[in-house]
N, C-alpha and C. Protein backbone atom coordinates (compact mmCIF):
# COMPACT_ATOMS: atom_id res chain seq x y z
N UNK A 1 28.93 15.11 0.82
CA UNK A 1 27.84 14.13 1.10
C UNK A 1 26.57 15.02 1.07
N UNK A 2 26.46 15.99 1.73
CA UNK A 2 25.26 16.85 1.77
C UNK A 2 24.99 17.52 0.39
N UNK A 3 26.07 17.99 -0.40
CA UNK A 3 25.92 18.46 -1.80
C UNK A 3 25.25 17.39 -2.66
N UNK A 4 25.83 16.37 -2.55
CA UNK A 4 25.45 15.10 -3.39
C UNK A 4 23.86 14.91 -3.19
N UNK A 5 23.59 14.90 -1.86
CA UNK A 5 22.06 14.63 -1.53
C UNK A 5 21.20 15.76 -2.07
N UNK A 6 21.58 16.92 -1.92
CA UNK A 6 20.81 18.12 -2.35
C UNK A 6 20.70 18.01 -3.90
N UNK A 7 21.81 17.72 -4.63
CA UNK A 7 21.64 17.55 -6.14
C UNK A 7 20.69 16.48 -6.37
N UNK A 8 20.68 15.38 -5.73
CA UNK A 8 19.78 14.42 -6.13
C UNK A 8 18.53 14.85 -6.01
N UNK A 9 18.18 15.45 -4.76
CA UNK A 9 16.73 16.08 -4.53
C UNK A 9 16.22 16.92 -5.67
N UNK A 10 17.19 17.95 -5.99
CA UNK A 10 16.96 18.90 -7.11
C UNK A 10 16.47 18.17 -8.34
N UNK A 11 17.60 17.12 -8.75
CA UNK A 11 17.23 16.45 -10.01
C UNK A 11 15.95 15.81 -9.99
N UNK A 12 15.36 15.13 -8.88
CA UNK A 12 14.09 14.54 -8.61
C UNK A 12 12.96 15.57 -8.80
N UNK A 13 13.22 16.72 -8.40
CA UNK A 13 12.14 17.81 -8.26
C UNK A 13 11.96 18.28 -9.80
N UNK A 14 13.06 18.56 -10.54
CA UNK A 14 12.80 19.06 -11.77
C UNK A 14 12.82 18.06 -13.06
N UNK A 15 12.82 16.72 -12.68
CA UNK A 15 12.69 15.69 -13.64
C UNK A 15 11.53 15.57 -14.37
N UNK A 16 10.32 16.15 -13.68
CA UNK A 16 9.09 15.87 -14.21
C UNK A 16 8.53 16.97 -15.12
N UNK A 17 9.33 17.99 -15.28
CA UNK A 17 8.93 19.23 -16.03
C UNK A 17 9.39 18.76 -17.60
N UNK A 18 8.56 19.33 -18.45
CA UNK A 18 8.85 19.10 -19.91
C UNK A 18 9.00 20.55 -20.47
N UNK A 19 10.06 20.68 -21.10
CA UNK A 19 10.40 21.90 -21.77
C UNK A 19 9.79 22.06 -23.06
N UNK A 20 9.00 23.18 -23.18
CA UNK A 20 8.30 23.37 -24.34
C UNK A 20 8.61 24.66 -25.18
N UNK A 21 9.44 25.60 -24.47
CA UNK A 21 9.82 26.75 -24.96
C UNK A 21 10.58 27.52 -24.05
N UNK A 22 11.12 28.64 -24.57
CA UNK A 22 12.02 29.51 -23.82
C UNK A 22 11.44 30.99 -24.02
N UNK A 23 11.41 31.75 -23.09
CA UNK A 23 10.99 33.12 -23.21
C UNK A 23 12.20 34.02 -23.40
N UNK A 24 12.33 34.62 -24.61
CA UNK A 24 13.54 35.47 -24.88
C UNK A 24 13.03 36.68 -25.47
N UNK A 25 13.52 37.66 -24.53
CA UNK A 25 13.03 39.17 -24.93
C UNK A 25 11.66 39.36 -25.01
N UNK A 26 10.82 38.69 -24.15
CA UNK A 26 9.32 38.77 -24.08
C UNK A 26 8.73 37.93 -25.04
N UNK A 27 9.28 37.22 -25.90
CA UNK A 27 8.53 36.44 -26.97
C UNK A 27 8.95 34.88 -26.62
N UNK A 28 8.07 34.13 -26.80
CA UNK A 28 8.11 32.71 -26.51
C UNK A 28 8.57 31.91 -27.73
N UNK A 29 9.80 31.36 -27.57
CA UNK A 29 10.29 30.61 -28.78
C UNK A 29 10.08 29.12 -28.49
N UNK A 30 9.35 28.54 -29.35
CA UNK A 30 8.94 27.21 -29.20
C UNK A 30 10.11 26.23 -29.62
N UNK A 31 10.21 25.13 -28.86
CA UNK A 31 11.26 23.98 -29.17
C UNK A 31 10.77 23.24 -30.43
N UNK A 32 11.86 23.23 -31.30
CA UNK A 32 11.74 22.51 -32.46
C UNK A 32 11.59 21.06 -32.48
N UNK A 33 12.31 20.56 -31.40
CA UNK A 33 12.55 19.08 -31.32
C UNK A 33 11.11 18.48 -31.02
N UNK A 34 11.02 17.37 -31.49
CA UNK A 34 9.60 16.50 -31.17
C UNK A 34 9.80 15.97 -29.74
N UNK A 35 8.87 16.30 -29.16
CA UNK A 35 8.76 15.66 -27.64
C UNK A 35 8.42 14.28 -27.68
N UNK A 36 9.22 13.60 -26.89
CA UNK A 36 9.12 12.24 -26.59
C UNK A 36 8.07 11.95 -25.51
N UNK A 37 6.97 11.37 -25.89
CA UNK A 37 5.91 11.29 -24.84
C UNK A 37 5.86 9.73 -24.69
N UNK A 38 6.01 9.18 -23.47
CA UNK A 38 5.84 7.76 -23.27
C UNK A 38 4.62 7.55 -22.50
N UNK A 39 3.74 6.84 -23.08
CA UNK A 39 2.45 6.43 -22.70
C UNK A 39 2.64 4.74 -22.10
N UNK A 40 2.20 4.75 -20.88
CA UNK A 40 2.14 3.37 -20.20
C UNK A 40 0.68 2.92 -20.32
N UNK A 41 0.60 1.57 -20.88
CA UNK A 41 -0.62 1.03 -20.93
C UNK A 41 -0.69 -0.07 -19.93
N UNK A 42 -1.70 0.03 -19.04
CA UNK A 42 -1.97 -1.01 -17.91
C UNK A 42 -2.98 -2.03 -18.47
N UNK A 43 -2.51 -3.25 -18.05
CA UNK A 43 -3.35 -4.37 -18.39
C UNK A 43 -4.39 -4.48 -17.44
N UNK A 44 -5.71 -4.05 -17.69
CA UNK A 44 -6.83 -4.33 -16.79
C UNK A 44 -7.43 -5.71 -16.84
N UNK A 45 -6.93 -6.57 -17.55
CA UNK A 45 -7.59 -7.85 -17.60
C UNK A 45 -7.13 -8.64 -16.27
N UNK A 46 -6.05 -8.20 -15.59
CA UNK A 46 -5.62 -8.83 -14.45
C UNK A 46 -6.32 -8.56 -13.18
N UNK A 47 -7.21 -7.45 -13.29
CA UNK A 47 -7.97 -7.03 -12.28
C UNK A 47 -9.20 -7.46 -11.96
N UNK A 48 -9.48 -8.24 -10.96
CA UNK A 48 -10.84 -8.95 -10.72
C UNK A 48 -11.69 -8.11 -9.80
N UNK A 49 -13.00 -8.00 -9.86
CA UNK A 49 -13.79 -7.34 -9.07
C UNK A 49 -14.18 -8.29 -7.86
N UNK A 50 -14.26 -7.73 -6.69
CA UNK A 50 -14.67 -8.50 -5.51
C UNK A 50 -15.98 -7.99 -5.08
N UNK A 51 -16.74 -8.94 -4.56
CA UNK A 51 -17.84 -8.44 -3.76
C UNK A 51 -17.59 -7.90 -2.49
N UNK A 52 -18.55 -7.34 -1.71
CA UNK A 52 -18.34 -6.62 -0.57
C UNK A 52 -17.78 -7.55 0.44
N UNK A 53 -18.18 -8.73 0.55
CA UNK A 53 -17.89 -9.84 1.51
C UNK A 53 -16.42 -10.08 1.20
N UNK A 54 -16.18 -10.44 0.01
CA UNK A 54 -14.71 -10.80 -0.41
C UNK A 54 -13.73 -9.81 -0.02
N UNK A 55 -14.20 -8.52 -0.25
CA UNK A 55 -13.22 -7.49 -0.13
C UNK A 55 -12.97 -7.24 1.57
N UNK A 56 -13.96 -7.35 2.37
CA UNK A 56 -13.92 -7.49 3.87
C UNK A 56 -12.77 -8.38 4.16
N UNK A 57 -12.99 -9.65 3.75
CA UNK A 57 -12.17 -10.70 4.15
C UNK A 57 -10.78 -10.61 3.68
N UNK A 58 -10.61 -9.88 2.57
CA UNK A 58 -9.28 -9.67 1.88
C UNK A 58 -8.53 -8.64 2.77
N UNK A 59 -9.32 -7.63 3.27
CA UNK A 59 -8.63 -6.79 4.11
C UNK A 59 -8.51 -7.02 5.57
N UNK A 60 -8.96 -8.20 5.82
CA UNK A 60 -8.78 -8.75 7.46
C UNK A 60 -9.90 -8.11 8.15
N UNK A 61 -10.93 -7.81 7.51
CA UNK A 61 -11.94 -7.22 8.42
C UNK A 61 -11.98 -5.66 8.72
N UNK A 62 -10.78 -4.95 8.17
CA UNK A 62 -10.74 -3.66 8.50
C UNK A 62 -11.63 -2.83 7.53
N UNK A 63 -12.09 -1.81 8.04
CA UNK A 63 -12.88 -0.99 7.23
C UNK A 63 -12.34 0.50 7.30
N UNK A 64 -12.92 1.42 6.21
CA UNK A 64 -12.25 2.62 6.32
C UNK A 64 -13.04 3.63 7.41
N UNK A 65 -14.02 3.06 8.03
CA UNK A 65 -14.84 3.85 8.96
C UNK A 65 -14.06 3.51 10.44
N UNK A 66 -13.55 4.46 10.97
CA UNK A 66 -12.67 4.16 12.13
C UNK A 66 -13.58 3.76 13.41
N UNK A 67 -14.86 4.21 13.36
CA UNK A 67 -15.78 3.68 14.44
C UNK A 67 -16.14 2.36 14.35
N UNK A 68 -15.96 1.64 13.20
CA UNK A 68 -16.36 0.14 12.92
C UNK A 68 -15.29 -0.68 13.80
N UNK A 69 -14.27 -0.12 14.11
CA UNK A 69 -13.14 -0.84 14.80
C UNK A 69 -13.77 -1.18 16.28
N UNK A 70 -14.59 -0.24 16.78
CA UNK A 70 -15.05 -0.27 18.02
C UNK A 70 -16.47 -0.75 18.05
N UNK A 71 -17.17 -1.22 16.99
CA UNK A 71 -18.39 -1.77 17.10
C UNK A 71 -19.56 -0.83 16.70
N UNK A 72 -19.19 0.41 16.12
CA UNK A 72 -20.26 1.29 15.64
C UNK A 72 -20.52 0.88 14.14
N UNK A 73 -21.59 0.73 13.86
CA UNK A 73 -21.93 0.31 12.54
C UNK A 73 -22.79 1.29 11.73
N UNK A 74 -23.11 2.39 12.40
CA UNK A 74 -23.88 3.58 11.67
C UNK A 74 -25.24 3.03 11.31
N UNK A 75 -25.99 2.20 11.90
CA UNK A 75 -27.32 1.55 11.52
C UNK A 75 -28.29 2.67 11.27
N UNK A 76 -28.33 3.81 11.91
CA UNK A 76 -29.37 4.83 11.87
C UNK A 76 -29.16 5.53 10.60
N UNK A 77 -27.68 5.81 10.24
CA UNK A 77 -27.54 6.40 8.97
C UNK A 77 -27.61 5.62 7.87
N UNK A 78 -27.29 4.37 7.80
CA UNK A 78 -27.72 3.43 6.80
C UNK A 78 -29.17 3.40 6.52
N UNK A 79 -29.92 3.44 7.54
CA UNK A 79 -31.41 3.23 7.43
C UNK A 79 -31.85 4.61 6.73
N UNK A 80 -31.41 5.82 7.15
CA UNK A 80 -31.72 6.99 6.41
C UNK A 80 -31.38 7.05 4.83
N UNK A 81 -30.32 6.37 4.62
CA UNK A 81 -29.86 6.42 3.30
C UNK A 81 -30.68 5.53 2.50
N UNK A 82 -31.05 4.32 3.04
CA UNK A 82 -31.89 3.48 2.32
C UNK A 82 -33.25 4.00 2.11
N UNK A 83 -33.88 4.76 3.05
CA UNK A 83 -35.19 5.40 2.97
C UNK A 83 -35.20 6.45 1.96
N UNK A 84 -34.02 7.17 1.93
CA UNK A 84 -33.99 8.13 0.76
C UNK A 84 -33.63 7.57 -0.65
N UNK A 85 -33.04 6.43 -0.75
CA UNK A 85 -33.09 5.72 -1.99
C UNK A 85 -34.39 5.19 -2.23
N UNK A 86 -35.20 4.63 -1.36
CA UNK A 86 -36.54 4.06 -1.78
C UNK A 86 -37.42 5.17 -2.21
N UNK A 87 -37.36 6.41 -1.49
CA UNK A 87 -38.14 7.41 -1.94
C UNK A 87 -37.72 7.93 -3.32
N UNK A 88 -36.49 8.04 -3.48
CA UNK A 88 -36.02 8.36 -4.89
C UNK A 88 -36.57 7.50 -6.00
N UNK A 89 -36.57 6.07 -5.74
CA UNK A 89 -36.96 5.18 -6.63
C UNK A 89 -38.39 5.26 -6.91
N UNK A 90 -39.12 5.66 -5.81
CA UNK A 90 -40.63 5.62 -6.07
C UNK A 90 -40.87 6.97 -6.86
N UNK A 91 -40.36 8.00 -6.58
CA UNK A 91 -40.49 9.31 -7.14
C UNK A 91 -39.98 9.23 -8.77
N UNK A 92 -38.70 8.82 -8.93
CA UNK A 92 -38.10 8.87 -10.26
C UNK A 92 -37.79 7.67 -11.01
N UNK A 93 -37.83 6.52 -10.31
CA UNK A 93 -37.55 5.28 -10.91
C UNK A 93 -38.57 4.49 -11.52
N UNK A 94 -39.77 4.98 -11.86
CA UNK A 94 -40.85 4.22 -12.42
C UNK A 94 -41.85 3.74 -11.50
N UNK A 95 -41.67 4.11 -10.26
CA UNK A 95 -42.91 3.81 -9.14
C UNK A 95 -42.74 2.45 -8.51
N UNK A 96 -41.61 1.67 -8.70
CA UNK A 96 -41.65 0.43 -8.03
C UNK A 96 -40.32 0.61 -7.01
N UNK A 97 -40.40 -0.06 -5.86
CA UNK A 97 -39.36 -0.20 -4.95
C UNK A 97 -38.38 -1.21 -5.34
N UNK A 98 -37.12 -0.87 -5.09
CA UNK A 98 -36.07 -1.71 -5.45
C UNK A 98 -35.92 -2.91 -4.57
N UNK A 99 -36.17 -2.71 -3.38
CA UNK A 99 -35.99 -3.85 -2.43
C UNK A 99 -37.35 -3.67 -1.38
N UNK A 100 -38.18 -4.52 -1.53
CA UNK A 100 -39.48 -4.38 -0.62
C UNK A 100 -39.16 -4.89 0.80
N UNK A 101 -38.23 -5.64 1.17
CA UNK A 101 -37.82 -6.09 2.31
C UNK A 101 -37.23 -4.86 3.23
N UNK A 102 -36.47 -3.94 2.57
CA UNK A 102 -35.99 -2.73 3.15
C UNK A 102 -37.18 -1.77 3.63
N UNK A 103 -38.05 -1.65 2.78
CA UNK A 103 -39.14 -0.83 3.15
C UNK A 103 -40.07 -1.23 4.42
N UNK A 104 -40.16 -2.55 4.39
CA UNK A 104 -41.04 -3.17 5.59
C UNK A 104 -40.28 -2.93 6.88
N UNK A 105 -39.05 -2.83 7.04
CA UNK A 105 -38.18 -2.70 8.04
C UNK A 105 -38.13 -1.39 8.81
N UNK A 106 -38.31 -0.32 7.88
CA UNK A 106 -38.23 1.12 8.49
C UNK A 106 -39.73 1.53 8.89
N UNK A 107 -39.77 1.85 10.15
CA UNK A 107 -41.07 2.28 10.66
C UNK A 107 -41.07 3.83 10.08
N UNK A 108 -42.43 4.14 9.96
CA UNK A 108 -42.73 5.49 9.35
C UNK A 108 -42.66 6.49 10.75
N UNK A 109 -42.15 7.72 10.53
CA UNK A 109 -42.06 8.57 11.70
C UNK A 109 -43.37 9.59 11.62
N UNK A 110 -43.92 9.79 12.79
CA UNK A 110 -45.13 10.46 12.96
C UNK A 110 -44.80 12.00 12.97
N UNK A 111 -45.50 12.85 12.39
CA UNK A 111 -45.12 14.27 12.69
C UNK A 111 -45.75 14.76 13.81
N UNK A 112 -45.13 15.71 14.50
CA UNK A 112 -45.74 16.32 15.67
C UNK A 112 -46.60 17.41 15.39
N UNK A 113 -47.69 17.43 15.93
CA UNK A 113 -48.61 18.58 15.80
C UNK A 113 -48.12 19.91 16.60
N UNK A 114 -48.46 20.91 15.89
CA UNK A 114 -48.19 22.28 16.47
C UNK A 114 -49.30 22.72 17.29
N UNK A 115 -49.39 22.96 18.61
CA UNK A 115 -50.52 23.29 19.30
C UNK A 115 -50.48 24.73 19.38
N UNK A 116 -51.82 25.19 19.07
CA UNK A 116 -52.05 26.64 19.14
C UNK A 116 -52.31 27.14 20.69
N UNK A 117 -51.67 28.35 20.74
CA UNK A 117 -52.00 28.92 22.17
C UNK A 117 -53.21 29.26 22.35
N UNK A 118 -53.90 28.81 23.38
CA UNK A 118 -55.41 29.18 23.63
C UNK A 118 -55.50 30.06 24.80
N UNK A 119 -55.23 31.28 24.52
CA UNK A 119 -55.08 32.40 25.66
C UNK A 119 -56.14 33.47 25.40
């Protein structure tokens, strides 16, 4: 029983290798047989694209972010990403904002002044 199981495991392990030649006396001897390559074509017409809302409902509300299960929605991080995208679009995207409603929601941060020591 164990030998049979080990033989099956070994066959599965080495079944993916393709023999292309043999090393004989320090020289590689190529195989003269034509290799049989099987290409599997997948029909991509059956795949439909889902919107984010449809995807969330299809997954039953589960997300890949583990904290989202406990109510953490990473609002601050998403705001930083939106701000970075807005700045990028202003700098490189032709000077117009992609979504003006996002820019009005984000308050500007004030820079702190460095006080000089008056000694």
